[in-house]
Amino acid sequence: MARWEPDARGRLQQAAMELFRERGFGEVTVVEIAERAGLTKRTFFNHFADKREVFFANAQMFEQSVLAHLAEADPELDTIGAVMAALTRAGLELAPYYEFAKARLAVLAVTPELRERDLIKSARLAAAMTATLVGRGAEERAAAFAAQSALAVFAVAAADWIATPSADFPALMHQNLAQLRAALG
């Protein structure tokens, strides 16, 4: 077993996602993930608390990226414009991780316990975005609507991008926001 190759964390993430897609989240053990990555169970636990954590490993980085972009957003942008700009920039940063994002979406689609955790993480991100928008001077309810609406737009745009990787992500965000606005009247 090649235990000393670099990027153990990344290898564990890749191995986990491959196994989750092949056999389903519930059918995969930590030992199997470690073995697929060419590592030990102990190494797995040096990086992750459990197999759910390996699945959501990039969520915190994404949240930090969104919040950083939101804090840097042009002060002239309105509330929805600021969150859309932040999510678009963070979404563009996902391009190198297309295969991982595609696998993640496929696993989420068939794993209710992961969908539930994903919704909880999305709610936390919406709350953090709302707080950031309030800090920028937005009224709290308007900030909450903008954050939650923009996350819905992002989720649809990300799924569209996964279905058509050559698609222009900023255009998808813009189109989906326009469709949301049309649906709201």
C-alpha atoms as a PDB file:
ATOM      1  CA  MET A   1       0.000   0.000   0.000  1.00  0.00           C
ATOM      2  CA  ALA A   2       1.451   3.403  -1.000  1.00  0.00           C
ATOM      3  CA  ARG A   3       0.967   5.249   2.267  1.00  0.00           C
ATOM      4  CA  TRP A   4       3.255   8.206   1.720  1.00  0.00           C
ATOM      5  CA  GLU A   5       1.930   9.703  -1.488  1.00  0.00           C
ATOM      6  CA  PRO A   6       0.920  13.361  -1.216  1.00  0.00           C
ATOM      7  CA  ASP A   7      -2.599  14.753  -0.746  1.00  0.00           C
ATOM      8  CA  ALA A   8      -4.045  12.072   1.501  1.00  0.00           C
ATOM      9  CA  ARG A   9      -7.119  14.220   2.171  1.00  0.00           C
ATOM     10  CA  GLY A  10      -7.861  14.702  -1.523  1.00  0.00           C
ATOM     11  CA  ARG A  11      -7.283  11.024  -2.249  1.00  0.00           C
ATOM     12  CA  LEU A  12      -9.702  10.073   0.530  1.00  0.00           C
ATOM     13  CA  GLN A  13     -12.320  12.447  -0.860  1.00  0.00           C
ATOM     14  CA  GLN A  14     -11.940  11.067  -4.360  1.00  0.00           C
ATOM     15  CA  ALA A  15     -12.026   7.451  -3.173  1.00  0.00           C
ATOM     16  CA  ALA A  16     -15.106   8.102  -1.048  1.00  0.00           C
ATOM     17  CA  MET A  17     -17.001   9.748  -3.873  1.00  0.00           C
ATOM     18  CA  GLU A  18     -16.133   6.937  -6.286  1.00  0.00           C
ATOM     19  CA  LEU A  19     -17.353   4.334  -3.818  1.00  0.00           C
ATOM     20  CA  PHE A  20     -20.497   6.289  -2.930  1.00  0.00           C
ATOM     21  CA  ARG A  21     -21.409   6.486  -6.618  1.00  0.00           C
ATOM     22  CA  GLU A  22     -20.616   2.835  -7.269  1.00  0.00           C
ATOM     23  CA  ARG A  23     -22.363   1.290  -4.279  1.00  0.00           C
ATOM     24  CA  GLY A  24     -24.349   3.945  -2.440  1.00  0.00           C
ATOM     25  CA  PHE A  25     -23.412   5.943   0.633  1.00  0.00           C
ATOM     26  CA  GLY A  26     -24.866   3.495   3.140  1.00  0.00           C
ATOM     27  CA  GLU A  27     -23.017   0.524   1.681  1.00  0.00           C
ATOM     28  CA  VAL A  28     -19.514   1.989   1.998  1.00  0.00           C
ATOM     29  CA  THR A  29     -17.299   1.746   5.082  1.00  0.00           C
ATOM     30  CA  VAL A  30     -14.467   3.970   6.244  1.00  0.00           C
ATOM     31  CA  VAL A  31     -12.068   1.040   5.844  1.00  0.00           C
ATOM     32  CA  GLU A  32     -13.100   0.642   2.190  1.00  0.00           C
ATOM     33  CA  ILE A  33     -12.581   4.347   1.549  1.00  0.00           C
ATOM     34  CA  ALA A  34      -9.116   4.240   3.109  1.00  0.00           C
ATOM     35  CA  GLU A  35      -8.169   1.115   1.155  1.00  0.00           C
ATOM     36  CA  ARG A  36      -9.365   2.620  -2.145  1.00  0.00           C
ATOM     37  CA  ALA A  37      -7.202   5.676  -1.419  1.00  0.00           C
ATOM     38  CA  GLY A  38      -4.223   3.465  -0.590  1.00  0.00           C
ATOM     39  CA  LEU A  39      -4.265   4.613   3.036  1.00  0.00           C
ATOM     40  CA  THR A  40      -5.127   3.271   6.458  1.00  0.00           C
ATOM     41  CA  LYS A  41      -8.249   3.670   8.566  1.00  0.00           C
ATOM     42  CA  ARG A  42      -6.165   5.702  11.016  1.00  0.00           C
ATOM     43  CA  THR A  43      -5.162   8.120   8.253  1.00  0.00           C
ATOM     44  CA  PHE A  44      -8.834   8.516   7.350  1.00  0.00           C
ATOM     45  CA  PHE A  45      -9.638   9.507  10.930  1.00  0.00           C
ATOM     46  CA  ASN A  46      -6.698  11.926  10.991  1.00  0.00           C
ATOM     47  CA  HIS A  47      -8.553  13.885   8.296  1.00  0.00           C
ATOM     48  CA  PHE A  48     -12.260  13.192   8.848  1.00  0.00           C
ATOM     49  CA  ALA A  49     -14.510  12.302  11.776  1.00  0.00           C
ATOM     50  CA  ASP A  50     -16.751  10.035   9.690  1.00  0.00           C
ATOM     51  CA  LYS A  51     -17.799   9.295   6.118  1.00  0.00           C
ATOM     52  CA  ARG A  52     -20.421  12.087   6.142  1.00  0.00           C
ATOM     53  CA  GLU A  53     -17.654  14.569   6.865  1.00  0.00           C
ATOM     54  CA  VAL A  54     -15.638  13.391   3.868  1.00  0.00           C
ATOM     55  CA  PHE A  55     -18.741  13.929   1.720  1.00  0.00           C
ATOM     56  CA  PHE A  56     -19.167  17.517   2.960  1.00  0.00           C
ATOM     57  CA  ALA A  57     -15.467  18.345   3.251  1.00  0.00           C
ATOM     58  CA  ASN A  58     -15.566  21.214   0.763  1.00  0.00           C
ATOM     59  CA  ALA A  59     -18.731  22.822   2.134  1.00  0.00           C
ATOM     60  CA  GLN A  60     -16.870  24.974   4.655  1.00  0.00           C
ATOM     61  CA  MET A  61     -14.445  26.223   2.003  1.00  0.00           C
ATOM     62  CA  PHE A  62     -17.386  27.084  -0.259  1.00  0.00           C
ATOM     63  CA  GLU A  63     -19.143  28.942   2.564  1.00  0.00           C
ATOM     64  CA  GLN A  64     -15.987  30.902   3.366  1.00  0.00           C
ATOM     65  CA  SER A  65     -15.578  31.774  -0.301  1.00  0.00           C
ATOM     66  CA  VAL A  66     -19.177  32.981  -0.618  1.00  0.00           C
ATOM     67  CA  LEU A  67     -18.926  35.100   2.517  1.00  0.00           C
ATOM     68  CA  ALA A  68     -15.578  36.584   1.474  1.00  0.00           C
ATOM     69  CA  HIS A  69     -16.965  37.499  -1.944  1.00  0.00           C
ATOM     70  CA  LEU A  70     -20.064  38.955  -0.310  1.00  0.00           C
ATOM     71  CA  ALA A  71     -17.951  41.092   2.014  1.00  0.00           C
ATOM     72  CA  GLU A  72     -16.002  42.324  -1.039  1.00  0.00           C
ATOM     73  CA  ALA A  73     -19.100  42.971  -3.172  1.00  0.00           C
ATOM     74  CA  ASP A  74     -19.462  46.390  -4.739  1.00  0.00           C
ATOM     75  CA  PRO A  75     -21.256  48.592  -2.179  1.00  0.00           C
ATOM     76  CA  GLU A  76     -23.309  50.050  -5.031  1.00  0.00           C
ATOM     77  CA  LEU A  77     -24.990  46.679  -5.650  1.00  0.00           C
ATOM     78  CA  ASP A  78     -28.432  46.146  -4.174  1.00  0.00           C
ATOM     79  CA  THR A  79     -28.980  43.257  -1.786  1.00  0.00           C
ATOM     80  CA  ILE A  80     -29.847  40.608  -4.380  1.00  0.00           C
ATOM     81  CA  GLY A  81     -27.110  41.884  -6.681  1.00  0.00           C
ATOM     82  CA  ALA A  82     -24.509  41.491  -3.939  1.00  0.00           C
ATOM     83  CA  VAL A  83     -25.467  37.899  -3.078  1.00  0.00           C
ATOM     84  CA  MET A  84     -25.755  36.936  -6.736  1.00  0.00           C
ATOM     85  CA  ALA A  85     -22.292  38.358  -7.419  1.00  0.00           C
ATOM     86  CA  ALA A  86     -20.835  36.480  -4.438  1.00  0.00           C
ATOM     87  CA  LEU A  87     -22.435  33.156  -5.364  1.00  0.00           C
ATOM     88  CA  THR A  88     -21.457  33.556  -9.015  1.00  0.00           C
ATOM     89  CA  ARG A  89     -17.817  34.159  -8.107  1.00  0.00           C
ATOM     90  CA  ALA A  90     -17.800  31.226  -5.678  1.00  0.00           C
ATOM     91  CA  GLY A  91     -19.495  29.060  -8.306  1.00  0.00           C
ATOM     92  CA  LEU A  92     -16.813  29.873 -10.850  1.00  0.00           C
ATOM     93  CA  GLU A  93     -14.234  28.596  -8.366  1.00  0.00           C
ATOM     94  CA  LEU A  94     -15.903  25.160  -8.545  1.00  0.00           C
ATOM     95  CA  ALA A  95     -14.963  24.616 -12.205  1.00  0.00           C
ATOM     96  CA  PRO A  96     -11.805  22.604 -11.406  1.00  0.00           C
ATOM     97  CA  TYR A  97     -13.947  20.317  -9.245  1.00  0.00           C
ATOM     98  CA  TYR A  98     -16.534  19.471 -11.895  1.00  0.00           C
ATOM     99  CA  GLU A  99     -16.246  15.675 -11.559  1.00  0.00           C
ATOM    100  CA  PHE A 100     -16.482  15.896  -7.779  1.00  0.00           C
ATOM    101  CA  ALA A 101     -19.520  18.201  -8.013  1.00  0.00           C
ATOM    102  CA  LYS A 102     -21.188  15.875 -10.509  1.00  0.00           C
ATOM    103  CA  ALA A 103     -20.621  12.856  -8.264  1.00  0.00           C
ATOM    104  CA  ARG A 104     -21.781  14.811  -5.210  1.00  0.00           C
ATOM    105  CA  LEU A 105     -25.065  15.754  -6.877  1.00  0.00           C
ATOM    106  CA  ALA A 106     -25.669  12.150  -7.972  1.00  0.00           C
ATOM    107  CA  VAL A 107     -25.054  10.811  -4.461  1.00  0.00           C
ATOM    108  CA  LEU A 108     -27.251  13.510  -2.882  1.00  0.00           C
ATOM    109  CA  ALA A 109     -30.090  12.579  -5.228  1.00  0.00           C
ATOM    110  CA  VAL A 110     -30.290   9.049  -3.820  1.00  0.00           C
ATOM    111  CA  THR A 111     -29.273   9.573  -0.173  1.00  0.00           C
ATOM    112  CA  PRO A 112     -31.943  11.218   2.022  1.00  0.00           C
ATOM    113  CA  GLU A 113     -29.695  11.526   5.097  1.00  0.00           C
ATOM    114  CA  LEU A 114     -27.143  13.500   3.069  1.00  0.00           C
ATOM    115  CA  ARG A 115     -29.853  15.695   1.517  1.00  0.00           C
ATOM    116  CA  GLU A 116     -31.054  16.547   5.013  1.00  0.00           C
ATOM    117  CA  ARG A 117     -27.556  17.539   6.122  1.00  0.00           C
ATOM    118  CA  ASP A 118     -27.080  19.496   2.889  1.00  0.00           C
ATOM    119  CA  LEU A 119     -30.270  21.459   3.619  1.00  0.00           C
ATOM    120  CA  ILE A 120     -29.023  22.224   7.123  1.00  0.00           C
ATOM    121  CA  LYS A 121     -25.708  23.469   5.720  1.00  0.00           C
ATOM    122  CA  SER A 122     -27.574  25.593   3.159  1.00  0.00           C
ATOM    123  CA  ALA A 123     -29.699  27.101   5.924  1.00  0.00           C
ATOM    124  CA  ARG A 124     -26.552  27.968   7.882  1.00  0.00           C
ATOM    125  CA  LEU A 125     -25.019  29.575   4.813  1.00  0.00           C
ATOM    126  CA  ALA A 126     -28.223  31.558   4.220  1.00  0.00           C
ATOM    127  CA  ALA A 127     -28.119  32.781   7.827  1.00  0.00           C
ATOM    128  CA  ALA A 128     -24.463  33.799   7.505  1.00  0.00           C
ATOM    129  CA  MET A 129     -25.176  35.570   4.221  1.00  0.00           C
ATOM    130  CA  THR A 130     -28.142  37.335   5.822  1.00  0.00           C
ATOM    131  CA  ALA A 131     -25.952  38.565   8.684  1.00  0.00           C
ATOM    132  CA  THR A 132     -23.334  39.806   6.223  1.00  0.00           C
ATOM    133  CA  LEU A 133     -25.987  41.643   4.210  1.00  0.00           C
ATOM    134  CA  VAL A 134     -27.400  43.229   7.367  1.00  0.00           C
ATOM    135  CA  GLY A 135     -23.848  44.338   8.150  1.00  0.00           C
ATOM    136  CA  ARG A 136     -23.816  46.001   4.725  1.00  0.00           C
ATOM    137  CA  GLY A 137     -26.937  47.954   5.709  1.00  0.00           C
ATOM    138  CA  ALA A 138     -29.733  45.760   4.355  1.00  0.00           C
ATOM    139  CA  GLU A 139     -32.972  45.336   6.287  1.00  0.00           C
ATOM    140  CA  GLU A 140     -32.995  41.881   7.905  1.00  0.00           C
ATOM    141  CA  ARG A 141     -36.063  40.459   6.171  1.00  0.00           C
ATOM    142  CA  ALA A 142     -34.914  41.722   2.762  1.00  0.00           C
ATOM    143  CA  ALA A 143     -31.477  40.248   3.442  1.00  0.00           C
ATOM    144  CA  ALA A 144     -32.994  36.866   4.368  1.00  0.00           C
ATOM    145  CA  PHE A 145     -35.169  36.797   1.241  1.00  0.00           C
ATOM    146  CA  ALA A 146     -32.208  37.746  -0.934  1.00  0.00           C
ATOM    147  CA  ALA A 147     -29.890  35.149   0.607  1.00  0.00           C
ATOM    148  CA  GLN A 148     -32.387  32.305   0.391  1.00  0.00           C
ATOM    149  CA  SER A 149     -33.538  33.233  -3.106  1.00  0.00           C
ATOM    150  CA  ALA A 150     -29.985  33.525  -4.381  1.00  0.00           C
ATOM    151  CA  LEU A 151     -29.126  30.121  -2.913  1.00  0.00           C
ATOM    152  CA  ALA A 152     -32.113  28.622  -4.734  1.00  0.00           C
ATOM    153  CA  VAL A 153     -30.944  30.244  -7.968  1.00  0.00           C
ATOM    154  CA  PHE A 154     -27.428  28.936  -7.328  1.00  0.00           C
ATOM    155  CA  ALA A 155     -28.663  25.370  -6.722  1.00  0.00           C
ATOM    156  CA  VAL A 156     -30.531  25.335 -10.037  1.00  0.00           C
ATOM    157  CA  ALA A 157     -27.641  26.973 -11.903  1.00  0.00           C
ATOM    158  CA  ALA A 158     -25.159  24.482 -10.429  1.00  0.00           C
ATOM    159  CA  ALA A 159     -27.360  21.559 -11.504  1.00  0.00           C
ATOM    160  CA  ASP A 160     -27.636  23.113 -14.983  1.00  0.00           C
ATOM    161  CA  TRP A 161     -23.845  23.482 -15.131  1.00  0.00           C
ATOM    162  CA  ILE A 162     -23.341  19.872 -14.073  1.00  0.00           C
ATOM    163  CA  ALA A 163     -25.736  18.759 -16.826  1.00  0.00           C
ATOM    164  CA  THR A 164     -23.973  20.996 -19.382  1.00  0.00           C
ATOM    165  CA  PRO A 165     -20.382  21.668 -18.268  1.00  0.00           C
ATOM    166  CA  SER A 166     -19.678  23.899 -21.259  1.00  0.00           C
ATOM    167  CA  ALA A 167     -22.422  26.294 -20.134  1.00  0.00           C
ATOM    168  CA  ASP A 168     -21.486  29.792 -19.015  1.00  0.00           C
ATOM    169  CA  PHE A 169     -22.051  29.750 -15.243  1.00  0.00           C
ATOM    170  CA  PRO A 170     -22.623  33.513 -14.819  1.00  0.00           C
ATOM    171  CA  ALA A 171     -25.182  33.356 -17.646  1.00  0.00           C
ATOM    172  CA  LEU A 172     -26.916  30.439 -15.917  1.00  0.00           C
ATOM    173  CA  MET A 173     -27.100  32.456 -12.700  1.00  0.00           C
ATOM    174  CA  HIS A 174     -28.525  35.443 -14.562  1.00  0.00           C
ATOM    175  CA  GLN A 175     -31.066  33.338 -16.490  1.00  0.00           C
ATOM    176  CA  ASN A 176     -32.254  31.519 -13.393  1.00  0.00           C
ATOM    177  CA  LEU A 177     -32.629  34.760 -11.444  1.00  0.00           C
ATOM    178  CA  ALA A 178     -34.684  36.175 -14.324  1.00  0.00           C
ATOM    179  CA  GLN A 179     -36.878  33.064 -14.251  1.00  0.00           C
ATOM    180  CA  LEU A 180     -37.341  33.394 -10.490  1.00  0.00           C
ATOM    181  CA  ARG A 181     -38.314  37.040 -10.862  1.00  0.00           C
ATOM    182  CA  ALA A 182     -40.782  36.131 -13.635  1.00  0.00           C
ATOM    183  CA  ALA A 183     -42.285  33.377 -11.480  1.00  0.00           C
ATOM    184  CA  LEU A 184     -42.788  35.829  -8.621  1.00  0.00           C
ATOM    185  CA  GLY A 185     -44.523  38.257 -10.946  1.00  0.00           C
END
